[in-house]
C-alpha atoms as a PDB file:
ATOM      1  CA  MET A   1     -35.336 -24.724 -70.041  1.00  0.00           C
ATOM      2  CA  GLY A   2     -36.096 -26.233 -66.618  1.00  0.00           C
ATOM      3  CA  VAL A   3     -36.508 -29.842 -65.574  1.00  0.00           C
ATOM      4  CA  GLN A   4     -37.533 -32.080 -68.480  1.00  0.00           C
ATOM      5  CA  LEU A   5     -39.888 -35.006 -67.804  1.00  0.00           C
ATOM      6  CA  LEU A   6     -41.040 -37.785 -70.119  1.00  0.00           C
ATOM      7  CA  LEU A   7     -44.458 -39.122 -69.130  1.00  0.00           C
ATOM      8  CA  LEU A   8     -45.644 -42.470 -70.503  1.00  0.00           C
ATOM      9  CA  GLU A   9     -49.261 -43.225 -69.589  1.00  0.00           C
ATOM     10  CA  ASP A  10     -51.762 -44.851 -71.959  1.00  0.00           C
ATOM     11  CA  ASP A  11     -54.843 -43.638 -70.067  1.00  0.00           C
ATOM     12  CA  ARG A  12     -55.439 -40.369 -71.919  1.00  0.00           C
ATOM     13  CA  VAL A  13     -57.441 -38.731 -69.137  1.00  0.00           C
ATOM     14  CA  LEU A  14     -54.827 -39.535 -66.487  1.00  0.00           C
ATOM     15  CA  ASN A  15     -52.056 -38.579 -68.907  1.00  0.00           C
ATOM     16  CA  ALA A  16     -53.597 -35.129 -69.410  1.00  0.00           C
ATOM     17  CA  THR A  17     -54.224 -34.703 -65.673  1.00  0.00           C
ATOM     18  CA  LEU A  18     -50.628 -35.529 -64.765  1.00  0.00           C
ATOM     19  CA  LYS A  19     -49.201 -33.386 -67.549  1.00  0.00           C
ATOM     20  CA  ASP A  20     -51.276 -30.355 -66.515  1.00  0.00           C
ATOM     21  CA  PHE A  21     -50.382 -30.762 -62.841  1.00  0.00           C
ATOM     22  CA  LEU A  22     -46.659 -31.194 -63.465  1.00  0.00           C
ATOM     23  CA  GLU A  23     -46.508 -28.242 -65.847  1.00  0.00           C
ATOM     24  CA  ASP A  24     -48.316 -26.096 -63.271  1.00  0.00           C
ATOM     25  CA  ASP A  25     -45.667 -27.313 -60.807  1.00  0.00           C
ATOM     26  CA  GLY A  26     -42.938 -25.870 -63.039  1.00  0.00           C
ATOM     27  CA  TYR A  27     -41.806 -28.916 -65.019  1.00  0.00           C
ATOM     28  CA  SER A  28     -41.520 -29.214 -68.796  1.00  0.00           C
ATOM     29  CA  VAL A  29     -43.420 -32.372 -69.768  1.00  0.00           C
ATOM     30  CA  ASP A  30     -43.496 -34.428 -72.958  1.00  0.00           C
ATOM     31  CA  SER A  31     -46.310 -36.964 -72.723  1.00  0.00           C
ATOM     32  CA  VAL A  32     -46.809 -40.078 -74.848  1.00  0.00           C
ATOM     33  CA  PHE A  33     -49.230 -43.007 -74.814  1.00  0.00           C
ATOM     34  CA  ASP A  34     -47.186 -46.033 -75.905  1.00  0.00           C
ATOM     35  CA  PRO A  35     -43.646 -47.412 -75.457  1.00  0.00           C
ATOM     36  CA  TYR A  36     -42.646 -46.930 -79.100  1.00  0.00           C
ATOM     37  CA  SER A  37     -43.283 -43.191 -78.883  1.00  0.00           C
ATOM     38  CA  ALA A  38     -41.429 -43.034 -75.576  1.00  0.00           C
ATOM     39  CA  PHE A  39     -38.401 -44.792 -77.085  1.00  0.00           C
ATOM     40  CA  GLU A  40     -38.387 -42.319 -79.953  1.00  0.00           C
ATOM     41  CA  MET A  41     -38.541 -39.330 -77.605  1.00  0.00           C
ATOM     42  CA  SER A  42     -35.800 -40.710 -75.351  1.00  0.00           C
ATOM     43  CA  TYR A  43     -33.408 -40.881 -78.305  1.00  0.00           C
ATOM     44  CA  LYS A  44     -34.296 -37.405 -79.572  1.00  0.00           C
ATOM     45  CA  LYS A  45     -33.999 -35.578 -76.281  1.00  0.00           C
ATOM     46  CA  ARG A  46     -32.254 -35.804 -72.916  1.00  0.00           C
ATOM     47  CA  TYR A  47     -34.656 -35.954 -69.970  1.00  0.00           C
ATOM     48  CA  ASP A  48     -34.140 -35.401 -66.261  1.00  0.00           C
ATOM     49  CA  CYS A  49     -36.694 -38.027 -65.234  1.00  0.00           C
ATOM     50  CA  TYR A  50     -38.951 -40.713 -66.717  1.00  0.00           C
ATOM     51  CA  LEU A  51     -42.459 -41.360 -65.375  1.00  0.00           C
ATOM     52  CA  PHE A  52     -43.731 -44.683 -66.749  1.00  0.00           C
ATOM     53  CA  ASP A  53     -46.927 -46.644 -66.351  1.00  0.00           C
ATOM     54  CA  VAL A  54     -46.426 -50.430 -66.276  1.00  0.00           C
ATOM     55  CA  LYS A  55     -49.493 -51.847 -68.065  1.00  0.00           C
ATOM     56  CA  LEU A  56     -49.049 -50.532 -71.592  1.00  0.00           C
ATOM     57  CA  PRO A  57     -49.853 -51.519 -75.185  1.00  0.00           C
ATOM     58  CA  TYR A  58     -47.215 -53.587 -77.033  1.00  0.00           C
ATOM     59  CA  GLU A  59     -44.927 -54.126 -74.029  1.00  0.00           C
ATOM     60  CA  SER A  60     -44.780 -53.334 -70.338  1.00  0.00           C
ATOM     61  CA  GLY A  61     -43.092 -50.394 -68.694  1.00  0.00           C
ATOM     62  CA  PHE A  62     -40.789 -52.939 -67.036  1.00  0.00           C
ATOM     63  CA  ASP A  63     -39.629 -54.205 -70.437  1.00  0.00           C
ATOM     64  CA  MET A  64     -39.138 -50.703 -71.732  1.00  0.00           C
ATOM     65  CA  LEU A  65     -37.028 -49.474 -68.816  1.00  0.00           C
ATOM     66  CA  SER A  66     -34.977 -52.671 -68.941  1.00  0.00           C
ATOM     67  CA  LYS A  67     -34.101 -51.933 -72.587  1.00  0.00           C
ATOM     68  CA  LEU A  68     -33.231 -48.313 -71.811  1.00  0.00           C
ATOM     69  CA  ARG A  69     -30.936 -49.382 -68.979  1.00  0.00           C
ATOM     70  CA  ALA A  70     -29.288 -51.989 -71.234  1.00  0.00           C
ATOM     71  CA  SER A  71     -28.570 -49.220 -73.754  1.00  0.00           C
ATOM     72  CA  GLY A  72     -26.737 -47.222 -71.087  1.00  0.00           C
ATOM     73  CA  ASP A  73     -29.555 -44.774 -70.322  1.00  0.00           C
ATOM     74  CA  LYS A  74     -29.292 -43.905 -66.615  1.00  0.00           C
ATOM     75  CA  THR A  75     -32.045 -41.292 -66.513  1.00  0.00           C
ATOM     76  CA  PRO A  76     -33.890 -41.440 -63.154  1.00  0.00           C
ATOM     77  CA  ALA A  77     -37.151 -43.339 -63.567  1.00  0.00           C
ATOM     78  CA  MET A  78     -40.327 -43.748 -61.547  1.00  0.00           C
ATOM     79  CA  PHE A  79     -43.088 -46.266 -62.191  1.00  0.00           C
ATOM     80  CA  ILE A  80     -46.672 -45.077 -61.687  1.00  0.00           C
ATOM     81  CA  THR A  81     -48.893 -48.130 -61.637  1.00  0.00           C
ATOM     82  CA  SER A  82     -51.907 -49.949 -60.269  1.00  0.00           C
ATOM     83  CA  LYS A  83     -49.749 -53.080 -59.831  1.00  0.00           C
ATOM     84  CA  ASN A  84     -49.283 -53.013 -56.071  1.00  0.00           C
ATOM     85  CA  ASP A  85     -48.159 -56.545 -55.256  1.00  0.00           C
ATOM     86  CA  THR A  86     -44.728 -57.161 -53.780  1.00  0.00           C
ATOM     87  CA  ALA A  87     -43.528 -59.165 -56.799  1.00  0.00           C
ATOM     88  CA  SER A  88     -44.252 -56.253 -59.149  1.00  0.00           C
ATOM     89  CA  LEU A  89     -42.574 -53.806 -56.795  1.00  0.00           C
ATOM     90  CA  LYS A  90     -39.488 -56.013 -56.711  1.00  0.00           C
ATOM     91  CA  GLN A  91     -39.480 -56.389 -60.499  1.00  0.00           C
ATOM     92  CA  GLY A  92     -39.710 -52.632 -60.949  1.00  0.00           C
ATOM     93  CA  PHE A  93     -36.585 -52.009 -58.914  1.00  0.00           C
ATOM     94  CA  GLU A  94     -34.757 -54.952 -60.481  1.00  0.00           C
ATOM     95  CA  VAL A  95     -35.140 -53.483 -63.996  1.00  0.00           C
ATOM     96  CA  GLY A  96     -33.691 -50.173 -62.834  1.00  0.00           C
ATOM     97  CA  ALA A  97     -36.451 -47.998 -61.368  1.00  0.00           C
ATOM     98  CA  ASP A  98     -35.485 -45.371 -58.810  1.00  0.00           C
ATOM     99  CA  ASP A  99     -38.967 -45.056 -57.320  1.00  0.00           C
ATOM    100  CA  TYR A 100     -42.386 -46.698 -57.526  1.00  0.00           C
ATOM    101  CA  LEU A 101     -45.699 -44.920 -56.889  1.00  0.00           C
ATOM    102  CA  LYS A 102     -48.938 -46.861 -56.618  1.00  0.00           C
ATOM    103  CA  LYS A 103     -52.245 -45.692 -58.082  1.00  0.00           C
ATOM    104  CA  PRO A 104     -54.505 -43.940 -57.227  1.00  0.00           C
ATOM    105  CA  ILE A 105     -51.962 -41.133 -57.273  1.00  0.00           C
ATOM    106  CA  ASP A 106     -51.743 -38.344 -54.734  1.00  0.00           C
ATOM    107  CA  LEU A 107     -50.458 -35.482 -56.895  1.00  0.00           C
ATOM    108  CA  ASP A 108     -48.678 -33.716 -54.044  1.00  0.00           C
ATOM    109  CA  GLU A 109     -46.898 -36.953 -53.159  1.00  0.00           C
ATOM    110  CA  LEU A 110     -45.872 -37.365 -56.801  1.00  0.00           C
ATOM    111  CA  SER A 111     -44.373 -33.866 -56.794  1.00  0.00           C
ATOM    112  CA  CYS A 112     -42.454 -34.552 -53.573  1.00  0.00           C
ATOM    113  CA  ARG A 113     -41.097 -37.841 -54.895  1.00  0.00           C
ATOM    114  CA  ILE A 114     -39.921 -36.294 -58.176  1.00  0.00           C
ATOM    115  CA  HIS A 115     -38.201 -33.477 -56.286  1.00  0.00           C
ATOM    116  CA  ALA A 116     -36.446 -35.920 -53.947  1.00  0.00           C
ATOM    117  CA  LEU A 117     -35.418 -38.190 -56.823  1.00  0.00           C
ATOM    118  CA  LEU A 118     -33.907 -35.312 -58.803  1.00  0.00           C
ATOM    119  CA  LYS A 119     -32.131 -33.929 -55.747  1.00  0.00           C
ATOM    120  CA  ARG A 120     -30.614 -37.336 -55.018  1.00  0.00           C
ATOM    121  CA  GLN A 121     -29.576 -37.791 -58.633  1.00  0.00           C
ATOM    122  CA  SER A 122     -28.029 -34.317 -58.748  1.00  0.00           C
ATOM    123  CA  ARG A 123     -25.696 -35.205 -55.879  1.00  0.00           C
ATOM    124  CA  ASP A 124     -24.711 -38.492 -57.498  1.00  0.00           C
ATOM    125  CA  ASP A 125     -24.061 -36.988 -60.923  1.00  0.00           C
ATOM    126  CA  LYS A 126     -21.492 -34.316 -60.065  1.00  0.00           C
ATOM    127  CA  ILE A 127     -17.790 -35.151 -60.341  1.00  0.00           C
ATOM    128  CA  LEU A 128     -14.812 -32.957 -59.465  1.00  0.00           C
ATOM    129  CA  VAL A 129     -12.123 -33.065 -62.132  1.00  0.00           C
ATOM    130  CA  HIS A 130      -9.032 -30.825 -62.126  1.00  0.00           C
ATOM    131  CA  GLY A 131     -10.805 -27.940 -60.408  1.00  0.00           C
ATOM    132  CA  PHE A 132     -13.983 -28.182 -62.483  1.00  0.00           C
ATOM    133  CA  THR A 133     -17.332 -29.786 -61.672  1.00  0.00           C
ATOM    134  CA  PHE A 134     -18.749 -32.045 -64.372  1.00  0.00           C
ATOM    135  CA  ASP A 135     -22.399 -33.077 -64.330  1.00  0.00           C
ATOM    136  CA  ILE A 136     -22.498 -36.593 -65.753  1.00  0.00           C
ATOM    137  CA  HIS A 137     -26.232 -36.441 -66.473  1.00  0.00           C
ATOM    138  CA  SER A 138     -26.461 -33.074 -68.228  1.00  0.00           C
ATOM    139  CA  LYS A 139     -22.901 -33.250 -69.671  1.00  0.00           C
ATOM    140  CA  LYS A 140     -22.297 -29.685 -68.437  1.00  0.00           C
ATOM    141  CA  LEU A 141     -19.033 -28.318 -67.050  1.00  0.00           C
ATOM    142  CA  PHE A 142     -18.857 -25.750 -64.251  1.00  0.00           C
ATOM    143  CA  LEU A 143     -16.148 -23.630 -62.649  1.00  0.00           C
ATOM    144  CA  GLU A 144     -17.198 -22.143 -59.311  1.00  0.00           C
ATOM    145  CA  ASN A 145     -20.862 -22.757 -60.246  1.00  0.00           C
ATOM    146  CA  ILE A 146     -20.477 -20.910 -63.560  1.00  0.00           C
ATOM    147  CA  GLU A 147     -21.314 -23.040 -66.601  1.00  0.00           C
ATOM    148  CA  GLN A 148     -18.506 -23.267 -69.156  1.00  0.00           C
ATOM    149  CA  GLU A 149     -19.034 -23.386 -72.903  1.00  0.00           C
ATOM    150  CA  LEU A 150     -18.997 -27.029 -73.965  1.00  0.00           C
ATOM    151  CA  SER A 151     -20.689 -28.749 -76.903  1.00  0.00           C
ATOM    152  CA  THR A 152     -22.776 -31.871 -76.336  1.00  0.00           C
ATOM    153  CA  LYS A 153     -20.245 -34.113 -78.097  1.00  0.00           C
ATOM    154  CA  ALA A 154     -17.347 -32.599 -76.125  1.00  0.00           C
ATOM    155  CA  GLY A 155     -19.302 -33.310 -72.939  1.00  0.00           C
ATOM    156  CA  GLN A 156     -19.840 -36.910 -74.025  1.00  0.00           C
ATOM    157  CA  LEU A 157     -16.136 -37.260 -74.792  1.00  0.00           C
ATOM    158  CA  LEU A 158     -15.239 -35.840 -71.386  1.00  0.00           C
ATOM    159  CA  GLN A 159     -17.481 -38.413 -69.713  1.00  0.00           C
ATOM    160  CA  VAL A 160     -15.772 -41.234 -71.632  1.00  0.00           C
ATOM    161  CA  LEU A 161     -12.344 -39.990 -70.532  1.00  0.00           C
ATOM    162  CA  ILE A 162     -13.422 -39.526 -66.903  1.00  0.00           C
ATOM    163  CA  GLU A 163     -14.921 -43.014 -66.709  1.00  0.00           C
ATOM    164  CA  ALA A 164     -11.700 -44.465 -68.143  1.00  0.00           C
ATOM    165  CA  ASN A 165     -10.037 -43.344 -64.887  1.00  0.00           C
ATOM    166  CA  GLY A 166      -6.662 -42.466 -66.425  1.00  0.00           C
ATOM    167  CA  ARG A 167      -6.649 -45.280 -68.973  1.00  0.00           C
ATOM    168  CA  VAL A 168      -5.863 -44.481 -72.602  1.00  0.00           C
ATOM    169  CA  VAL A 169      -9.097 -44.628 -74.623  1.00  0.00           C
ATOM    170  CA  SER A 170      -8.671 -45.619 -78.257  1.00  0.00           C
ATOM    171  CA  SER A 171     -10.110 -43.494 -81.037  1.00  0.00           C
ATOM    172  CA  GLU A 172     -12.283 -46.445 -82.049  1.00  0.00           C
ATOM    173  CA  GLU A 173     -13.705 -46.728 -78.533  1.00  0.00           C
ATOM    174  CA  ILE A 174     -14.471 -43.005 -78.513  1.00  0.00           C
ATOM    175  CA  LYS A 175     -16.270 -43.258 -81.852  1.00  0.00           C
ATOM    176  CA  ASN A 176     -18.389 -46.160 -80.633  1.00  0.00           C
ATOM    177  CA  SER A 177     -19.245 -44.326 -77.415  1.00  0.00           C
ATOM    178  CA  ILE A 178     -20.358 -40.933 -78.675  1.00  0.00           C
ATOM    179  CA  TRP A 179     -21.600 -41.524 -82.222  1.00  0.00           C
ATOM    180  CA  SER A 180     -24.605 -43.675 -83.078  1.00  0.00           C
ATOM    181  CA  SER A 181     -23.396 -44.224 -86.648  1.00  0.00           C
ATOM    182  CA  ALA A 182     -19.853 -45.071 -87.713  1.00  0.00           C
ATOM    183  CA  SER A 183     -20.319 -42.950 -90.833  1.00  0.00           C
ATOM    184  CA  GLU A 184     -20.683 -39.823 -88.670  1.00  0.00           C
ATOM    185  CA  ALA A 185     -17.445 -40.402 -86.741  1.00  0.00           C
ATOM    186  CA  SER A 186     -13.930 -39.457 -87.787  1.00  0.00           C
ATOM    187  CA  ASP A 187     -10.523 -38.866 -86.225  1.00  0.00           C
ATOM    188  CA  GLY A 188     -10.837 -35.237 -87.273  1.00  0.00           C
ATOM    189  CA  SER A 189     -14.089 -34.863 -85.349  1.00  0.00           C
ATOM    190  CA  ILE A 190     -12.467 -36.312 -82.250  1.00  0.00           C
ATOM    191  CA  ARG A 191      -9.609 -33.811 -82.530  1.00  0.00           C
ATOM    192  CA  VAL A 192     -12.114 -30.935 -82.684  1.00  0.00           C
ATOM    193  CA  TYR A 193     -13.701 -32.000 -79.390  1.00  0.00           C
ATOM    194  CA  VAL A 194     -10.348 -32.745 -77.761  1.00  0.00           C
ATOM    195  CA  THR A 195      -9.315 -29.180 -78.622  1.00  0.00           C
ATOM    196  CA  GLN A 196     -12.459 -27.908 -76.876  1.00  0.00           C
ATOM    197  CA  LEU A 197     -11.588 -29.885 -73.761  1.00  0.00           C
ATOM    198  CA  LYS A 198      -7.939 -28.780 -73.791  1.00  0.00           C
ATOM    199  CA  LYS A 199      -9.193 -25.209 -73.454  1.00  0.00           C
ATOM    200  CA  TYR A 200     -10.111 -26.164 -69.878  1.00  0.00           C
ATOM    201  CA  PHE A 201      -7.850 -29.085 -69.030  1.00  0.00           C
ATOM    202  CA  GLY A 202      -4.703 -28.243 -71.006  1.00  0.00           C
ATOM    203  CA  ASP A 203      -1.962 -30.856 -70.745  1.00  0.00           C
ATOM    204  CA  ASN A 204      -4.111 -32.988 -68.443  1.00  0.00           C
ATOM    205  CA  ILE A 205      -5.569 -34.389 -71.666  1.00  0.00           C
ATOM    206  CA  GLU A 206      -2.922 -36.379 -73.497  1.00  0.00           C
ATOM    207  CA  ASN A 207      -2.872 -37.521 -77.093  1.00  0.00           C
ATOM    208  CA  ILE A 208      -1.090 -40.868 -77.273  1.00  0.00           C
ATOM    209  CA  ARG A 209      -0.175 -40.817 -80.946  1.00  0.00           C
ATOM    210  CA  GLY A 210      -1.589 -43.720 -82.914  1.00  0.00           C
ATOM    211  CA  ILE A 211      -3.475 -45.053 -79.895  1.00  0.00           C
ATOM    212  CA  GLY A 212      -5.934 -42.581 -78.406  1.00  0.00           C
ATOM    213  CA  TYR A 213      -6.457 -40.107 -75.583  1.00  0.00           C
ATOM    214  CA  CYS A 214      -6.444 -40.036 -71.810  1.00  0.00           C
ATOM    215  CA  LEU A 215      -7.362 -37.626 -69.029  1.00  0.00           C
ATOM    216  CA  LYS A 216      -4.791 -37.593 -66.239  1.00  0.00           C
ATOM    217  CA  ARG A 217      -6.108 -38.371 -62.796  1.00  0.00           C
END
């Protein structure tokens, strides 16, 4: 599928220009014109990078990224903006931006910055766990660079167990972490995904009866 980008730019001409350039550069790009549409897309789909303007209708790009970060979304993000004062630059990084590119945009520079940002994020996102490599961002599991079969929910569960660092995670905590609605979650569903993980990790995943699950360190 390639690298997935979400572009938020309310200037329709610039939006189209950036989208065309980035797609020609090999990226898959979803482009939107307002924060509400960007929020909707971010919940529907997992992206590798966000490219946000700052001056937007309804609310600023700063406000939007701040909300995404508060929700636990760690997707790499770059602001593309005409706001070039030091205070705005500082605010952009304070709300969780990974990079900040000032308009007018040099398209080749934009491409280089995206590549560097994704390369840096790729290094940060990979964790070694019991002989496997787990990519925190994509929720994919690898053995000797070969991707293993793992459902999205099983990948989310594995991340919860890894981040617990050997602590027992209650079933309730798991439900709250990987399901958006309590009505969708059940102990039976958790057991299905634990079984998937045990295929790779065996007895390193423990079921503490009546309490929850843990992944041995």
